[in-house]
C-alpha atoms as a PDB file:
ATOM      1  CA  MET A   1     -16.664  32.731  21.486  1.00  0.00           C
ATOM      2  CA  SER A   2     -16.560  35.507  18.949  1.00  0.00           C
ATOM      3  CA  ASP A   3     -16.884  39.176  19.780  1.00  0.00           C
ATOM      4  CA  ARG A   4     -20.603  38.906  18.840  1.00  0.00           C
ATOM      5  CA  GLY A   5     -21.195  36.389  21.629  1.00  0.00           C
ATOM      6  CA  LYS A   6     -21.625  33.525  19.142  1.00  0.00           C
ATOM      7  CA  PRO A   7     -19.356  30.503  19.086  1.00  0.00           C
ATOM      8  CA  ASP A   8     -16.594  30.642  16.511  1.00  0.00           C
ATOM      9  CA  PHE A   9     -17.011  28.149  13.717  1.00  0.00           C
ATOM     10  CA  PRO A  10     -13.970  25.872  13.735  1.00  0.00           C
ATOM     11  CA  TYR A  11     -11.024  27.206  11.708  1.00  0.00           C
ATOM     12  CA  ARG A  12     -12.231  30.798  11.479  1.00  0.00           C
ATOM     13  CA  GLN A  13      -9.870  31.800  14.275  1.00  0.00           C
ATOM     14  CA  HIS A  14      -6.604  29.888  14.138  1.00  0.00           C
ATOM     15  CA  ASP A  15      -3.016  30.105  12.948  1.00  0.00           C
ATOM     16  CA  HIS A  16      -3.412  28.483   9.552  1.00  0.00           C
ATOM     17  CA  GLN A  17       0.337  28.226   8.908  1.00  0.00           C
ATOM     18  CA  VAL A  18       0.755  26.145  12.069  1.00  0.00           C
ATOM     19  CA  CYS A  19      -2.230  24.046  10.958  1.00  0.00           C
ATOM     20  CA  ILE A  20      -0.542  23.351   7.603  1.00  0.00           C
ATOM     21  CA  GLU A  21       2.848  22.570   9.151  1.00  0.00           C
ATOM     22  CA  GLU A  22       1.332  20.128  11.654  1.00  0.00           C
ATOM     23  CA  CYS A  23      -0.556  18.297   8.922  1.00  0.00           C
ATOM     24  CA  ILE A  24       2.552  17.991   6.730  1.00  0.00           C
ATOM     25  CA  GLU A  25       4.480  16.625   9.731  1.00  0.00           C
ATOM     26  CA  ARG A  26       1.692  14.078  10.363  1.00  0.00           C
ATOM     27  CA  ALA A  27       1.806  13.074   6.689  1.00  0.00           C
ATOM     28  CA  GLU A  28       5.578  12.597   6.785  1.00  0.00           C
ATOM     29  CA  ALA A  29       5.297  10.509   9.963  1.00  0.00           C
ATOM     30  CA  ALA A  30       2.424   8.421   8.545  1.00  0.00           C
ATOM     31  CA  CYS A  31       4.457   7.678   5.421  1.00  0.00           C
ATOM     32  CA  MET A  32       7.451   6.625   7.505  1.00  0.00           C
ATOM     33  CA  ASP A  33       5.214   4.426   9.701  1.00  0.00           C
ATOM     34  CA  HIS A  34       3.900   2.659   6.593  1.00  0.00           C
ATOM     35  CA  ASN A  35       7.286   2.480   4.810  1.00  0.00           C
ATOM     36  CA  GLU A  36       5.939   4.697   2.051  1.00  0.00           C
ATOM     37  CA  HIS A  37       7.431   7.734   0.356  1.00  0.00           C
ATOM     38  CA  PHE A  38       5.892  11.156   0.784  1.00  0.00           C
ATOM     39  CA  THR A  39       6.500  12.004  -2.856  1.00  0.00           C
ATOM     40  CA  GLU A  40       6.522  15.458  -4.361  1.00  0.00           C
ATOM     41  CA  ASN A  41       3.120  14.809  -5.981  1.00  0.00           C
ATOM     42  CA  ARG A  42       1.549  13.556  -2.753  1.00  0.00           C
ATOM     43  CA  ARG A  43       2.918  16.553  -0.850  1.00  0.00           C
ATOM     44  CA  ALA A  44       1.707  18.991  -3.502  1.00  0.00           C
ATOM     45  CA  VAL A  45      -1.818  17.512  -3.496  1.00  0.00           C
ATOM     46  CA  LEU A  46      -1.978  17.644   0.305  1.00  0.00           C
ATOM     47  CA  GLU A  47      -0.702  21.238   0.308  1.00  0.00           C
ATOM     48  CA  LEU A  48      -3.428  22.243  -2.142  1.00  0.00           C
ATOM     49  CA  LEU A  49      -6.042  20.679   0.151  1.00  0.00           C
ATOM     50  CA  LEU A  50      -4.492  22.433   3.138  1.00  0.00           C
ATOM     51  CA  ALA A  51      -4.628  25.866   1.518  1.00  0.00           C
ATOM     52  CA  GLY A  52      -8.124  26.324   2.941  1.00  0.00           C
ATOM     53  CA  HIS A  53     -10.617  24.334   4.957  1.00  0.00           C
ATOM     54  CA  ARG A  54     -12.725  23.844   1.861  1.00  0.00           C
ATOM     55  CA  PRO A  55     -13.091  20.640  -0.097  1.00  0.00           C
ATOM     56  CA  LEU A  56     -11.585  20.491  -3.587  1.00  0.00           C
ATOM     57  CA  GLY A  57     -12.672  18.232  -6.411  1.00  0.00           C
ATOM     58  CA  ALA A  58     -10.058  16.195  -8.249  1.00  0.00           C
ATOM     59  CA  TYR A  59     -10.286  18.386 -11.343  1.00  0.00           C
ATOM     60  CA  GLU A  60      -9.909  21.544  -9.249  1.00  0.00           C
ATOM     61  CA  ILE A  61      -6.699  20.007  -7.933  1.00  0.00           C
ATOM     62  CA  VAL A  62      -5.588  19.117 -11.479  1.00  0.00           C
ATOM     63  CA  GLU A  63      -6.122  22.761 -12.500  1.00  0.00           C
ATOM     64  CA  GLN A  64      -4.222  24.166  -9.500  1.00  0.00           C
ATOM     65  CA  PHE A  65      -1.414  21.607  -9.518  1.00  0.00           C
ATOM     66  CA  ASP A  66       2.024  22.870 -10.565  1.00  0.00           C
ATOM     67  CA  TRP A  67       2.876  20.516 -13.388  1.00  0.00           C
ATOM     68  CA  LYS A  68       6.325  22.094 -13.920  1.00  0.00           C
ATOM     69  CA  ASN A  69       5.955  22.174 -17.702  1.00  0.00           C
ATOM     70  CA  ARG A  70       4.790  18.558 -17.765  1.00  0.00           C
ATOM     71  CA  ARG A  71       1.588  17.467 -19.432  1.00  0.00           C
ATOM     72  CA  PRO A  72      -1.274  17.308 -16.870  1.00  0.00           C
ATOM     73  CA  ALA A  73      -1.978  13.746 -15.777  1.00  0.00           C
ATOM     74  CA  PRO A  74      -5.195  13.435 -13.756  1.00  0.00           C
ATOM     75  CA  ALA A  75      -4.326   9.812 -12.919  1.00  0.00           C
ATOM     76  CA  GLN A  76      -1.415  11.088 -10.799  1.00  0.00           C
ATOM     77  CA  ILE A  77      -3.821  13.246  -8.806  1.00  0.00           C
ATOM     78  CA  TYR A  78      -6.246  10.351  -8.287  1.00  0.00           C
ATOM     79  CA  ARG A  79      -3.391   8.100  -7.137  1.00  0.00           C
ATOM     80  CA  ALA A  80      -2.186  10.743  -4.684  1.00  0.00           C
ATOM     81  CA  LEU A  81      -5.733  11.250  -3.365  1.00  0.00           C
ATOM     82  CA  ALA A  82      -6.233   7.491  -2.915  1.00  0.00           C
ATOM     83  CA  PHE A  83      -2.917   7.214  -1.089  1.00  0.00           C
ATOM     84  CA  LEU A  84      -3.599  10.167   1.219  1.00  0.00           C
ATOM     85  CA  GLU A  85      -7.097   8.865   1.948  1.00  0.00           C
ATOM     86  CA  SER A  86      -5.759   5.363   2.721  1.00  0.00           C
ATOM     87  CA  LEU A  87      -3.523   6.857   5.427  1.00  0.00           C
ATOM     88  CA  GLY A  88      -6.382   8.882   6.898  1.00  0.00           C
ATOM     89  CA  LEU A  89      -4.777  12.189   5.931  1.00  0.00           C
ATOM     90  CA  ILE A  90      -7.731  13.343   3.842  1.00  0.00           C
ATOM     91  CA  HIS A  91     -11.460  12.643   3.660  1.00  0.00           C
ATOM     92  CA  ARG A  92     -13.804  12.439   0.720  1.00  0.00           C
ATOM     93  CA  ILE A  93     -16.822  14.703   1.127  1.00  0.00           C
ATOM     94  CA  ALA A  94     -19.382  12.690  -0.809  1.00  0.00           C
ATOM     95  CA  SER A  95     -21.988  15.447  -1.134  1.00  0.00           C
ATOM     96  CA  ARG A  96     -19.430  17.599  -2.929  1.00  0.00           C
ATOM     97  CA  ASN A  97     -17.493  14.794  -4.657  1.00  0.00           C
ATOM     98  CA  ALA A  98     -14.440  16.506  -3.242  1.00  0.00           C
ATOM     99  CA  TYR A  99     -11.607  15.989  -0.771  1.00  0.00           C
ATOM    100  CA  LEU A 100     -10.672  17.700   2.484  1.00  0.00           C
ATOM    101  CA  ALA A 101      -7.501  17.506   4.559  1.00  0.00           C
ATOM    102  CA  CYS A 102      -8.070  15.679   7.872  1.00  0.00           C
ATOM    103  CA  ASN A 103      -7.595  17.648  11.050  1.00  0.00           C
ATOM    104  CA  ARG A 104      -8.158  14.713  13.422  1.00  0.00           C
ATOM    105  CA  PRO A 105      -5.350  12.211  12.876  1.00  0.00           C
ATOM    106  CA  GLY A 106      -5.969   8.727  14.203  1.00  0.00           C
ATOM    107  CA  HIS A 107      -9.752   9.071  13.928  1.00  0.00           C
ATOM    108  CA  GLN A 108     -10.222   7.630  10.455  1.00  0.00           C
ATOM    109  CA  LYS A 109     -13.229   5.520  11.438  1.00  0.00           C
ATOM    110  CA  GLY A 110     -15.712   8.348  11.859  1.00  0.00           C
ATOM    111  CA  ALA A 111     -16.224  12.050  11.612  1.00  0.00           C
ATOM    112  CA  ILE A 112     -18.966  14.606  11.424  1.00  0.00           C
ATOM    113  CA  PHE A 113     -18.576  17.356   8.840  1.00  0.00           C
ATOM    114  CA  LEU A 114     -20.407  20.667   9.092  1.00  0.00           C
ATOM    115  CA  VAL A 115     -20.519  21.966   5.523  1.00  0.00           C
ATOM    116  CA  CYS A 116     -21.390  25.624   4.943  1.00  0.00           C
ATOM    117  CA  GLU A 117     -23.547  25.862   1.845  1.00  0.00           C
ATOM    118  CA  ARG A 118     -22.520  29.447   1.221  1.00  0.00           C
ATOM    119  CA  CYS A 119     -18.766  29.836   1.798  1.00  0.00           C
ATOM    120  CA  GLU A 120     -18.038  26.071   1.509  1.00  0.00           C
ATOM    121  CA  LEU A 121     -15.981  26.037   4.708  1.00  0.00           C
ATOM    122  CA  VAL A 122     -16.045  22.574   6.293  1.00  0.00           C
ATOM    123  CA  ALA A 123     -15.494  21.840   9.968  1.00  0.00           C
ATOM    124  CA  GLU A 124     -14.548  18.329  11.039  1.00  0.00           C
ATOM    125  CA  LEU A 125     -15.898  17.376  14.455  1.00  0.00           C
ATOM    126  CA  GLU A 126     -15.553  14.329  16.665  1.00  0.00           C
ATOM    127  CA  GLY A 127     -19.155  13.620  17.720  1.00  0.00           C
ATOM    128  CA  THR A 128     -18.164  10.582  19.810  1.00  0.00           C
ATOM    129  CA  GLN A 129     -21.645  10.066  21.281  1.00  0.00           C
ATOM    130  CA  MET A 130     -23.304  10.065  17.866  1.00  0.00           C
ATOM    131  CA  LEU A 131     -20.712   7.717  16.390  1.00  0.00           C
ATOM    132  CA  THR A 132     -21.121   5.361  19.376  1.00  0.00           C
ATOM    133  CA  ALA A 133     -24.898   5.404  18.843  1.00  0.00           C
ATOM    134  CA  ILE A 134     -24.384   4.479  15.188  1.00  0.00           C
ATOM    135  CA  ASP A 135     -22.075   1.611  16.187  1.00  0.00           C
ATOM    136  CA  ASN A 136     -24.671   0.371  18.711  1.00  0.00           C
ATOM    137  CA  LEU A 137     -27.524   0.576  16.188  1.00  0.00           C
ATOM    138  CA  SER A 138     -25.401  -1.186  13.588  1.00  0.00           C
ATOM    139  CA  ALA A 139     -24.413  -3.942  16.002  1.00  0.00           C
ATOM    140  CA  SER A 140     -28.026  -4.494  17.107  1.00  0.00           C
ATOM    141  CA  SER A 141     -28.849  -5.081  13.433  1.00  0.00           C
ATOM    142  CA  GLY A 142     -25.967  -7.477  12.932  1.00  0.00           C
ATOM    143  CA  PHE A 143     -24.228  -4.935  10.711  1.00  0.00           C
ATOM    144  CA  VAL A 144     -20.505  -4.303  11.138  1.00  0.00           C
ATOM    145  CA  ALA A 145     -19.773  -0.654  10.418  1.00  0.00           C
ATOM    146  CA  HIS A 146     -16.278   0.101   9.137  1.00  0.00           C
ATOM    147  CA  THR A 147     -16.576   3.839   8.721  1.00  0.00           C
ATOM    148  CA  HIS A 148     -19.176   6.490   9.178  1.00  0.00           C
ATOM    149  CA  LEU A 149     -18.808   9.948   7.821  1.00  0.00           C
ATOM    150  CA  ILE A 150     -21.732  12.237   8.503  1.00  0.00           C
ATOM    151  CA  GLU A 151     -22.206  15.422   6.503  1.00  0.00           C
ATOM    152  CA  VAL A 152     -24.426  18.187   7.823  1.00  0.00           C
ATOM    153  CA  SER A 153     -25.196  21.043   5.415  1.00  0.00           C
ATOM    154  CA  GLY A 154     -26.146  24.496   6.645  1.00  0.00           C
ATOM    155  CA  LEU A 155     -24.668  27.922   7.277  1.00  0.00           C
ATOM    156  CA  CYS A 156     -21.638  28.745   9.388  1.00  0.00           C
ATOM    157  CA  PRO A 157     -22.072  31.606  11.893  1.00  0.00           C
ATOM    158  CA  ALA A 158     -20.445  34.178   9.577  1.00  0.00           C
ATOM    159  CA  CYS A 159     -22.668  33.275   6.622  1.00  0.00           C
ATOM    160  CA  SER A 160     -25.719  33.077   8.856  1.00  0.00           C
ATOM    161  CA  ASP A 161     -24.974  36.583  10.156  1.00  0.00           C
ATOM    162  CA  THR A 162     -24.523  37.862   6.593  1.00  0.00           C
ATOM    163  CA  LEU A 163     -27.832  36.319   5.578  1.00  0.00           C
ATOM    164  CA  ASP A 164     -29.562  37.886   8.601  1.00  0.00           C
ATOM    165  CA  PHE A 165     -28.028  41.255   7.657  1.00  0.00           C
ATOM    166  CA  GLU A 166     -29.148  40.904   4.030  1.00  0.00           C
ATOM    167  CA  ARG A 167     -32.694  40.057   5.161  1.00  0.00           C
ATOM    168  CA  ALA A 168     -32.770  43.055   7.491  1.00  0.00           C
ATOM    169  CA  GLU A 169     -31.770  45.384   4.631  1.00  0.00           C
ATOM    170  CA  THR A 170     -34.656  44.263   2.397  1.00  0.00           C
END
């Protein structure tokens, strides 16, 4: 709970450096488990996505990527994104056509994303009951669900408070 008595939106109050280090360690371990290399490009793309809990589009990553005096090659970024996504280290946020580092390793099948329309912060939640309900509904229809990523747009508590404050001033 925040000092205002409201729940803290995930990631507002945490040690972000520890968050980054843990994700890099998970990426290194996932690469080893799959006999893959955690290349400099893959690491750099993941680090850019870890810089904040906001999704980045591929071209935003291309612009921020340190090309080390090389000619920019968007295909390298797309390959790194595809690789990281295949290992469940990142998610694609379809509504934003952007990518987000995963904070729930081992739960690649489903996630619920709360997307703040104002500050663009994204929280990744488990939502086990909802995902189970989706599996049950799918199965009753004869459909075999492989993944389900649910995106919920709205305002995080901080942006909601700011909006309330702005309304009160007018």
